[in-house]
Amino acid sequence: MTVLTDGAYWGTGLVVPRRRRGKRPLLPVQEADNAEHCKVRARVEHTFARMKNYKILRDCRQRGDGLHHAVQAVARMHNLALTA
């Protein structure tokens, strides 16, 4: 599984956007990679934002697997709403 992250996770082994070194600009291929990286991350972040509209997640203060099950339930409801 590939995990896309932002620049805060630099050096962790996860996939982060490329950054320029010193005053050298990024190559066009690297800029295109960064643009694609941004598009994918934006879709995921928008999904998280939509899921927070459900009160169960907004007010969730559960411990253990409770939060995990709540997120799964909201994700399923969100997917059902998209297909309806």
PDB file of N, CA and C in Angstrom:
ATOM      1  N   MET A   1       0.846  -1.158   0.000  1.00  0.00           N
ATOM      2  CA  MET A   1       0.000   0.000   0.000  1.00  0.00           C
ATOM      3  C   MET A   1       0.904   1.237   0.000  1.00  0.00           C
ATOM      4  N   THR A   2       0.555   2.194  -0.815  1.00  0.00           N
ATOM      5  CA  THR A   2       1.302   3.443  -0.899  1.00  0.00           C
ATOM      6  C   THR A   2       0.577   4.508  -0.100  1.00  0.00           C
ATOM      7  N   VAL A   3       1.318   5.229   0.723  1.00  0.00           N
ATOM      8  CA  VAL A   3       0.737   6.288   1.541  1.00  0.00           C
ATOM      9  C   VAL A   3       1.284   7.618   1.050  1.00  0.00           C
ATOM     10  N   LEU A   4       0.369   8.478   0.571  1.00  0.00           N
ATOM     11  CA  LEU A   4       0.755   9.817   0.120  1.00  0.00           C
ATOM     12  C   LEU A   4       0.588  10.777   1.283  1.00  0.00           C
ATOM     13  N   THR A   5       1.603  11.588   1.522  1.00  0.00           N
ATOM     14  CA  THR A   5       1.545  12.534   2.635  1.00  0.00           C
ATOM     15  C   THR A   5       1.966  13.913   2.155  1.00  0.00           C
ATOM     16  N   ASP A   6       1.908  14.868   3.074  1.00  0.00           N
ATOM     17  CA  ASP A   6       2.411  16.196   2.740  1.00  0.00           C
ATOM     18  C   ASP A   6       3.869  16.305   3.205  1.00  0.00           C
ATOM     19  N   GLY A   7       4.440  17.467   3.049  1.00  0.00           N
ATOM     20  CA  GLY A   7       5.850  17.669   3.353  1.00  0.00           C
ATOM     21  C   GLY A   7       6.221  17.502   4.813  1.00  0.00           C
ATOM     22  N   ALA A   8       5.231  17.441   5.706  1.00  0.00           N
ATOM     23  CA  ALA A   8       5.519  17.278   7.126  1.00  0.00           C
ATOM     24  C   ALA A   8       6.112  15.912   7.442  1.00  0.00           C
ATOM     25  N   TYR A   9       5.948  14.952   6.549  1.00  0.00           N
ATOM     26  CA  TYR A   9       6.414  13.595   6.796  1.00  0.00           C
ATOM     27  C   TYR A   9       7.700  13.284   6.034  1.00  0.00           C
ATOM     28  N   TRP A  10       8.469  14.307   5.708  1.00  0.00           N
ATOM     29  CA  TRP A  10       9.718  14.150   4.975  1.00  0.00           C
ATOM     30  C   TRP A  10      10.674  13.251   5.766  1.00  0.00           C
ATOM     31  N   GLY A  11      11.303  12.288   5.104  1.00  0.00           N
ATOM     32  CA  GLY A  11      12.282  11.418   5.745  1.00  0.00           C
ATOM     33  C   GLY A  11      11.694  10.229   6.478  1.00  0.00           C
ATOM     34  N   THR A  12      10.401   9.985   6.334  1.00  0.00           N
ATOM     35  CA  THR A  12       9.763   8.864   7.025  1.00  0.00           C
ATOM     36  C   THR A  12       9.629   7.637   6.138  1.00  0.00           C
ATOM     37  N   GLY A  13       9.973   7.758   4.861  1.00  0.00           N
ATOM     38  CA  GLY A  13       9.811   6.651   3.937  1.00  0.00           C
ATOM     39  C   GLY A  13       8.470   6.652   3.224  1.00  0.00           C
ATOM     40  N   LEU A  14       7.593   7.584   3.583  1.00  0.00           N
ATOM     41  CA  LEU A  14       6.306   7.707   2.904  1.00  0.00           C
ATOM     42  C   LEU A  14       6.483   8.564   1.661  1.00  0.00           C
ATOM     43  N   VAL A  15       5.489   8.568   0.790  1.00  0.00           N
ATOM     44  CA  VAL A  15       5.575   9.326  -0.462  1.00  0.00           C
ATOM     45  C   VAL A  15       5.188  10.780  -0.192  1.00  0.00           C
ATOM     46  N   VAL A  16       6.156  11.669  -0.339  1.00  0.00           N
ATOM     47  CA  VAL A  16       5.934  13.105  -0.134  1.00  0.00           C
ATOM     48  C   VAL A  16       6.197  13.828  -1.448  1.00  0.00           C
ATOM     49  N   PRO A  17       5.638  15.028  -1.620  1.00  0.00           N
ATOM     50  CA  PRO A  17       5.922  15.774  -2.847  1.00  0.00           C
ATOM     51  C   PRO A  17       7.405  16.155  -2.911  1.00  0.00           C
ATOM     52  N   ARG A  18       7.892  16.293  -4.115  1.00  0.00           N
ATOM     53  CA  ARG A  18       9.287  16.713  -4.291  1.00  0.00           C
ATOM     54  C   ARG A  18       9.411  18.187  -3.976  1.00  0.00           C
ATOM     55  N   ARG A  19      10.566  18.575  -3.497  1.00  0.00           N
ATOM     56  CA  ARG A  19      10.798  19.990  -3.252  1.00  0.00           C
ATOM     57  C   ARG A  19      12.101  20.387  -3.923  1.00  0.00           C
ATOM     58  N   ARG A  20      12.192  21.658  -4.217  1.00  0.00           N
ATOM     59  CA  ARG A  20      13.390  22.108  -4.920  1.00  0.00           C
ATOM     60  C   ARG A  20      14.547  22.225  -3.942  1.00  0.00           C
ATOM     61  N   ARG A  21      15.725  22.021  -4.448  1.00  0.00           N
ATOM     62  CA  ARG A  21      16.943  22.093  -3.644  1.00  0.00           C
ATOM     63  C   ARG A  21      17.647  23.403  -3.932  1.00  0.00           C
ATOM     64  N   GLY A  22      17.819  24.201  -2.928  1.00  0.00           N
ATOM     65  CA  GLY A  22      18.484  25.489  -3.117  1.00  0.00           C
ATOM     66  C   GLY A  22      17.705  26.370  -4.067  1.00  0.00           C
ATOM     67  N   LYS A  23      18.393  26.912  -5.033  1.00  0.00           N
ATOM     68  CA  LYS A  23      17.741  27.804  -6.005  1.00  0.00           C
ATOM     69  C   LYS A  23      17.393  27.096  -7.305  1.00  0.00           C
ATOM     70  N   ARG A  24      17.683  25.790  -7.379  1.00  0.00           N
ATOM     71  CA  ARG A  24      17.374  25.040  -8.596  1.00  0.00           C
ATOM     72  C   ARG A  24      15.887  24.732  -8.656  1.00  0.00           C
ATOM     73  N   PRO A  25      15.235  25.062  -9.766  1.00  0.00           N
ATOM     74  CA  PRO A  25      13.795  24.739  -9.886  1.00  0.00           C
ATOM     75  C   PRO A  25      13.606  23.247 -10.125  1.00  0.00           C
ATOM     76  N   LEU A  26      12.383  22.787  -9.896  1.00  0.00           N
ATOM     77  CA  LEU A  26      12.056  21.395 -10.180  1.00  0.00           C
ATOM     78  C   LEU A  26      12.004  21.159 -11.682  1.00  0.00           C
ATOM     79  N   LEU A  27      12.308  19.945 -12.073  1.00  0.00           N
ATOM     80  CA  LEU A  27      12.173  19.562 -13.477  1.00  0.00           C
ATOM     81  C   LEU A  27      10.690  19.470 -13.821  1.00  0.00           C
ATOM     82  N   PRO A  28      10.331  19.657 -15.088  1.00  0.00           N
ATOM     83  CA  PRO A  28       8.908  19.552 -15.468  1.00  0.00           C
ATOM     84  C   PRO A  28       8.269  18.223 -15.058  1.00  0.00           C
ATOM     85  N   VAL A  29       9.011  17.134 -15.136  1.00  0.00           N
ATOM     86  CA  VAL A  29       8.481  15.825 -14.731  1.00  0.00           C
ATOM     87  C   VAL A  29       8.179  15.816 -13.232  1.00  0.00           C
ATOM     88  N   GLN A  30       9.057  16.417 -12.446  1.00  0.00           N
ATOM     89  CA  GLN A  30       8.841  16.480 -11.004  1.00  0.00           C
ATOM     90  C   GLN A  30       7.644  17.369 -10.665  1.00  0.00           C
ATOM     91  N   GLU A  31       7.483  18.454 -11.391  1.00  0.00           N
ATOM     92  CA  GLU A  31       6.319  19.319 -11.168  1.00  0.00           C
ATOM     93  C   GLU A  31       5.032  18.583 -11.508  1.00  0.00           C
ATOM     94  N   ALA A  32       5.065  17.791 -12.591  1.00  0.00           N
ATOM     95  CA  ALA A  32       3.884  17.005 -12.963  1.00  0.00           C
ATOM     96  C   ALA A  32       3.580  15.960 -11.889  1.00  0.00           C
ATOM     97  N   ASP A  33       4.618  15.330 -11.338  1.00  0.00           N
ATOM     98  CA  ASP A  33       4.418  14.366 -10.244  1.00  0.00           C
ATOM     99  C   ASP A  33       3.780  15.043  -9.039  1.00  0.00           C
ATOM    100  N   ASN A  34       4.268  16.229  -8.701  1.00  0.00           N
ATOM    101  CA  ASN A  34       3.703  16.968  -7.567  1.00  0.00           C
ATOM    102  C   ASN A  34       2.242  17.323  -7.809  1.00  0.00           C
ATOM    103  N   ALA A  35       1.905  17.705  -9.038  1.00  0.00           N
ATOM    104  CA  ALA A  35       0.519  18.056  -9.356  1.00  0.00           C
ATOM    105  C   ALA A  35      -0.388  16.837  -9.192  1.00  0.00           C
ATOM    106  N   GLU A  36       0.058  15.686  -9.667  1.00  0.00           N
ATOM    107  CA  GLU A  36      -0.733  14.460  -9.525  1.00  0.00           C
ATOM    108  C   GLU A  36      -0.862  14.075  -8.054  1.00  0.00           C
ATOM    109  N   HIS A  37       0.218  14.208  -7.322  1.00  0.00           N
ATOM    110  CA  HIS A  37       0.225  13.930  -5.879  1.00  0.00           C
ATOM    111  C   HIS A  37      -0.825  14.798  -5.181  1.00  0.00           C
ATOM    112  N   CYS A  38      -0.851  16.082  -5.533  1.00  0.00           N
ATOM    113  CA  CYS A  38      -1.811  17.025  -4.944  1.00  0.00           C
ATOM    114  C   CYS A  38      -3.248  16.643  -5.259  1.00  0.00           C
ATOM    115  N   LYS A  39      -3.503  16.247  -6.493  1.00  0.00           N
ATOM    116  CA  LYS A  39      -4.863  15.877  -6.893  1.00  0.00           C
ATOM    117  C   LYS A  39      -5.381  14.697  -6.076  1.00  0.00           C
ATOM    118  N   VAL A  40      -4.535  13.692  -5.903  1.00  0.00           N
ATOM    119  CA  VAL A  40      -4.956  12.503  -5.160  1.00  0.00           C
ATOM    120  C   VAL A  40      -5.180  12.852  -3.692  1.00  0.00           C
ATOM    121  N   ARG A  41      -4.254  13.574  -3.095  1.00  0.00           N
ATOM    122  CA  ARG A  41      -4.401  13.959  -1.694  1.00  0.00           C
ATOM    123  C   ARG A  41      -5.630  14.834  -1.477  1.00  0.00           C
ATOM    124  N   ALA A  42      -5.916  15.712  -2.419  1.00  0.00           N
ATOM    125  CA  ALA A  42      -7.083  16.591  -2.288  1.00  0.00           C
ATOM    126  C   ALA A  42      -8.374  15.776  -2.260  1.00  0.00           C
ATOM    127  N   ARG A  43      -8.468  14.748  -3.084  1.00  0.00           N
ATOM    128  CA  ARG A  43      -9.672  13.904  -3.090  1.00  0.00           C
ATOM    129  C   ARG A  43      -9.874  13.240  -1.736  1.00  0.00           C
ATOM    130  N   VAL A  44      -8.783  12.744  -1.165  1.00  0.00           N
ATOM    131  CA  VAL A  44      -8.872  12.088   0.140  1.00  0.00           C
ATOM    132  C   VAL A  44      -9.259  13.092   1.217  1.00  0.00           C
ATOM    133  N   GLU A  45      -8.631  14.259   1.206  1.00  0.00           N
ATOM    134  CA  GLU A  45      -8.946  15.282   2.210  1.00  0.00           C
ATOM    135  C   GLU A  45     -10.390  15.760   2.083  1.00  0.00           C
ATOM    136  N   HIS A  46     -10.896  15.874   0.861  1.00  0.00           N
ATOM    137  CA  HIS A  46     -12.297  16.268   0.667  1.00  0.00           C
ATOM    138  C   HIS A  46     -13.238  15.198   1.206  1.00  0.00           C
ATOM    139  N   THR A  47     -12.878  13.935   1.031  1.00  0.00           N
ATOM    140  CA  THR A  47     -13.696  12.848   1.570  1.00  0.00           C
ATOM    141  C   THR A  47     -13.743  12.919   3.083  1.00  0.00           C
ATOM    142  N   PHE A  48     -12.582  13.159   3.714  1.00  0.00           N
ATOM    143  CA  PHE A  48     -12.567  13.303   5.171  1.00  0.00           C
ATOM    144  C   PHE A  48     -13.449  14.475   5.603  1.00  0.00           C
ATOM    145  N   ALA A  49     -13.386  15.567   4.883  1.00  0.00           N
ATOM    146  CA  ALA A  49     -14.198  16.743   5.226  1.00  0.00           C
ATOM    147  C   ALA A  49     -15.683  16.423   5.122  1.00  0.00           C
ATOM    148  N   ARG A  50     -16.073  15.682   4.077  1.00  0.00           N
ATOM    149  CA  ARG A  50     -17.484  15.307   3.929  1.00  0.00           C
ATOM    150  C   ARG A  50     -17.923  14.374   5.042  1.00  0.00           C
ATOM    151  N   MET A  51     -17.037  13.452   5.423  1.00  0.00           N
ATOM    152  CA  MET A  51     -17.388  12.508   6.483  1.00  0.00           C
ATOM    153  C   MET A  51     -17.609  13.224   7.808  1.00  0.00           C
ATOM    154  N   LYS A  52     -16.917  14.330   8.029  1.00  0.00           N
ATOM    155  CA  LYS A  52     -17.075  15.066   9.281  1.00  0.00           C
ATOM    156  C   LYS A  52     -18.440  15.745   9.382  1.00  0.00           C
ATOM    157  N   ASN A  53     -19.179  15.784   8.289  1.00  0.00           N
ATOM    158  CA  ASN A  53     -20.539  16.330   8.331  1.00  0.00           C
ATOM    159  C   ASN A  53     -21.485  15.428   9.116  1.00  0.00           C
ATOM    160  N   TYR A  54     -21.125  14.155   9.257  1.00  0.00           N
ATOM    161  CA  TYR A  54     -21.954  13.238  10.028  1.00  0.00           C
ATOM    162  C   TYR A  54     -21.685  13.464  11.511  1.00  0.00           C
ATOM    163  N   LYS A  55     -22.732  13.669  12.254  1.00  0.00           N
ATOM    164  CA  LYS A  55     -22.615  14.015  13.675  1.00  0.00           C
ATOM    165  C   LYS A  55     -21.851  12.954  14.458  1.00  0.00           C
ATOM    166  N   ILE A  56     -21.977  11.702  14.083  1.00  0.00           N
ATOM    167  CA  ILE A  56     -21.319  10.634  14.835  1.00  0.00           C
ATOM    168  C   ILE A  56     -19.800  10.826  14.852  1.00  0.00           C
ATOM    169  N   LEU A  57     -19.227  11.359  13.777  1.00  0.00           N
ATOM    170  CA  LEU A  57     -17.786  11.596  13.769  1.00  0.00           C
ATOM    171  C   LEU A  57     -17.430  12.929  14.392  1.00  0.00           C
ATOM    172  N   ARG A  58     -18.253  13.917  14.189  1.00  0.00           N
ATOM    173  CA  ARG A  58     -17.962  15.245  14.713  1.00  0.00           C
ATOM    174  C   ARG A  58     -17.933  15.226  16.233  1.00  0.00           C
ATOM    175  N   ASP A  59     -18.829  14.474  16.832  1.00  0.00           N
ATOM    176  CA  ASP A  59     -18.944  14.439  18.282  1.00  0.00           C
ATOM    177  C   ASP A  59     -18.335  13.176  18.897  1.00  0.00           C
ATOM    178  N   CYS A  60     -17.663  12.393  18.111  1.00  0.00           N
ATOM    179  CA  CYS A  60     -17.167  11.102  18.576  1.00  0.00           C
ATOM    180  C   CYS A  60     -16.038  11.281  19.597  1.00  0.00           C
ATOM    181  N   ARG A  61     -16.209  10.677  20.758  1.00  0.00           N
ATOM    182  CA  ARG A  61     -15.170  10.698  21.785  1.00  0.00           C
ATOM    183  C   ARG A  61     -14.915   9.271  22.264  1.00  0.00           C
ATOM    184  N   GLN A  62     -15.022   8.323  21.348  1.00  0.00           N
ATOM    185  CA  GLN A  62     -14.907   6.919  21.723  1.00  0.00           C
ATOM    186  C   GLN A  62     -13.447   6.493  21.769  1.00  0.00           C
ATOM    187  N   ARG A  63     -13.196   5.429  22.482  1.00  0.00           N
ATOM    188  CA  ARG A  63     -11.842   4.885  22.569  1.00  0.00           C
ATOM    189  C   ARG A  63     -11.821   3.495  21.932  1.00  0.00           C
ATOM    190  N   GLY A  64     -10.626   3.040  21.635  1.00  0.00           N
ATOM    191  CA  GLY A  64     -10.476   1.693  21.090  1.00  0.00           C
ATOM    192  C   GLY A  64     -11.037   1.575  19.686  1.00  0.00           C
ATOM    193  N   ASP A  65     -11.717   0.462  19.428  1.00  0.00           N
ATOM    194  CA  ASP A  65     -12.265   0.190  18.104  1.00  0.00           C
ATOM    195  C   ASP A  65     -13.543   0.971  17.818  1.00  0.00           C
ATOM    196  N   GLY A  66     -14.097   1.657  18.792  1.00  0.00           N
ATOM    197  CA  GLY A  66     -15.341   2.387  18.583  1.00  0.00           C
ATOM    198  C   GLY A  66     -15.230   3.402  17.468  1.00  0.00           C
ATOM    199  N   LEU A  67     -14.150   4.169  17.468  1.00  0.00           N
ATOM    200  CA  LEU A  67     -13.949   5.170  16.421  1.00  0.00           C
ATOM    201  C   LEU A  67     -13.768   4.490  15.067  1.00  0.00           C
ATOM    202  N   HIS A  68     -13.022   3.387  15.045  1.00  0.00           N
ATOM    203  CA  HIS A  68     -12.796   2.645  13.803  1.00  0.00           C
ATOM    204  C   HIS A  68     -14.132   2.206  13.196  1.00  0.00           C
ATOM    205  N   HIS A  69     -15.009   1.651  14.031  1.00  0.00           N
ATOM    206  CA  HIS A  69     -16.310   1.188  13.534  1.00  0.00           C
ATOM    207  C   HIS A  69     -17.189   2.363  13.106  1.00  0.00           C
ATOM    208  N   ALA A  70     -17.113   3.473  13.819  1.00  0.00           N
ATOM    209  CA  ALA A  70     -17.884   4.647  13.438  1.00  0.00           C
ATOM    210  C   ALA A  70     -17.434   5.175  12.080  1.00  0.00           C
ATOM    211  N   VAL A  71     -16.116   5.217  11.851  1.00  0.00           N
ATOM    212  CA  VAL A  71     -15.595   5.693  10.568  1.00  0.00           C
ATOM    213  C   VAL A  71     -16.024   4.754   9.451  1.00  0.00           C
ATOM    214  N   GLN A  72     -15.957   3.461   9.686  1.00  0.00           N
ATOM    215  CA  GLN A  72     -16.399   2.500   8.663  1.00  0.00           C
ATOM    216  C   GLN A  72     -17.872   2.696   8.337  1.00  0.00           C
ATOM    217  N   ALA A  73     -18.694   2.894   9.357  1.00  0.00           N
ATOM    218  CA  ALA A  73     -20.127   3.076   9.124  1.00  0.00           C
ATOM    219  C   ALA A  73     -20.397   4.342   8.328  1.00  0.00           C
ATOM    220  N   VAL A  74     -19.724   5.418   8.670  1.00  0.00           N
ATOM    221  CA  VAL A  74     -19.926   6.675   7.951  1.00  0.00           C
ATOM    222  C   VAL A  74     -19.429   6.545   6.518  1.00  0.00           C
ATOM    223  N   ALA A  75     -18.313   5.860   6.311  1.00  0.00           N
ATOM    224  CA  ALA A  75     -17.795   5.658   4.960  1.00  0.00           C
ATOM    225  C   ALA A  75     -18.809   4.881   4.120  1.00  0.00           C
ATOM    226  N   ARG A  76     -19.420   3.874   4.709  1.00  0.00           N
ATOM    227  CA  ARG A  76     -20.431   3.099   3.967  1.00  0.00           C
ATOM    228  C   ARG A  76     -21.644   3.964   3.635  1.00  0.00           C
ATOM    229  N   MET A  77     -22.083   4.777   4.591  1.00  0.00           N
ATOM    230  CA  MET A  77     -23.220   5.656   4.328  1.00  0.00           C
ATOM    231  C   MET A  77     -22.880   6.665   3.237  1.00  0.00           C
ATOM    232  N   HIS A  78     -21.677   7.185   3.280  1.00  0.00           N
ATOM    233  CA  HIS A  78     -21.231   8.141   2.269  1.00  0.00           C
ATOM    234  C   HIS A  78     -21.236   7.482   0.889  1.00  0.00           C
ATOM    235  N   ASN A  79     -20.713   6.268   0.800  1.00  0.00           N
ATOM    236  CA  ASN A  79     -20.693   5.557  -0.484  1.00  0.00           C
ATOM    237  C   ASN A  79     -22.099   5.259  -0.968  1.00  0.00           C
ATOM    238  N   LEU A  80     -22.998   4.909  -0.061  1.00  0.00           N
ATOM    239  CA  LEU A  80     -24.393   4.683  -0.459  1.00  0.00           C
ATOM    240  C   LEU A  80     -25.025   5.960  -0.985  1.00  0.00           C
ATOM    241  N   ALA A  81     -24.746   7.071  -0.332  1.00  0.00           N
ATOM    242  CA  ALA A  81     -25.296   8.352  -0.780  1.00  0.00           C
ATOM    243  C   ALA A  81     -24.774   8.723  -2.175  1.00  0.00           C
ATOM    244  N   LEU A  82     -23.523   8.363  -2.465  1.00  0.00           N
ATOM    245  CA  LEU A  82     -22.957   8.650  -3.780  1.00  0.00           C
ATOM    246  C   LEU A  82     -23.598   7.812  -4.880  1.00  0.00           C
ATOM    247  N   THR A  83     -23.996   6.586  -4.559  1.00  0.00           N
ATOM    248  CA  THR A  83     -24.569   5.693  -5.576  1.00  0.00           C
ATOM    249  C   THR A  83     -26.060   5.908  -5.753  1.00  0.00           C
ATOM    250  N   ALA A  84     -26.696   6.568  -4.807  1.00  0.00           N
ATOM    251  CA  ALA A  84     -28.161   6.763  -4.894  1.00  0.00           C
ATOM    252  C   ALA A  84     -28.516   7.861  -5.865  1.00  0.00           C
TER     253      ALA A  84
END
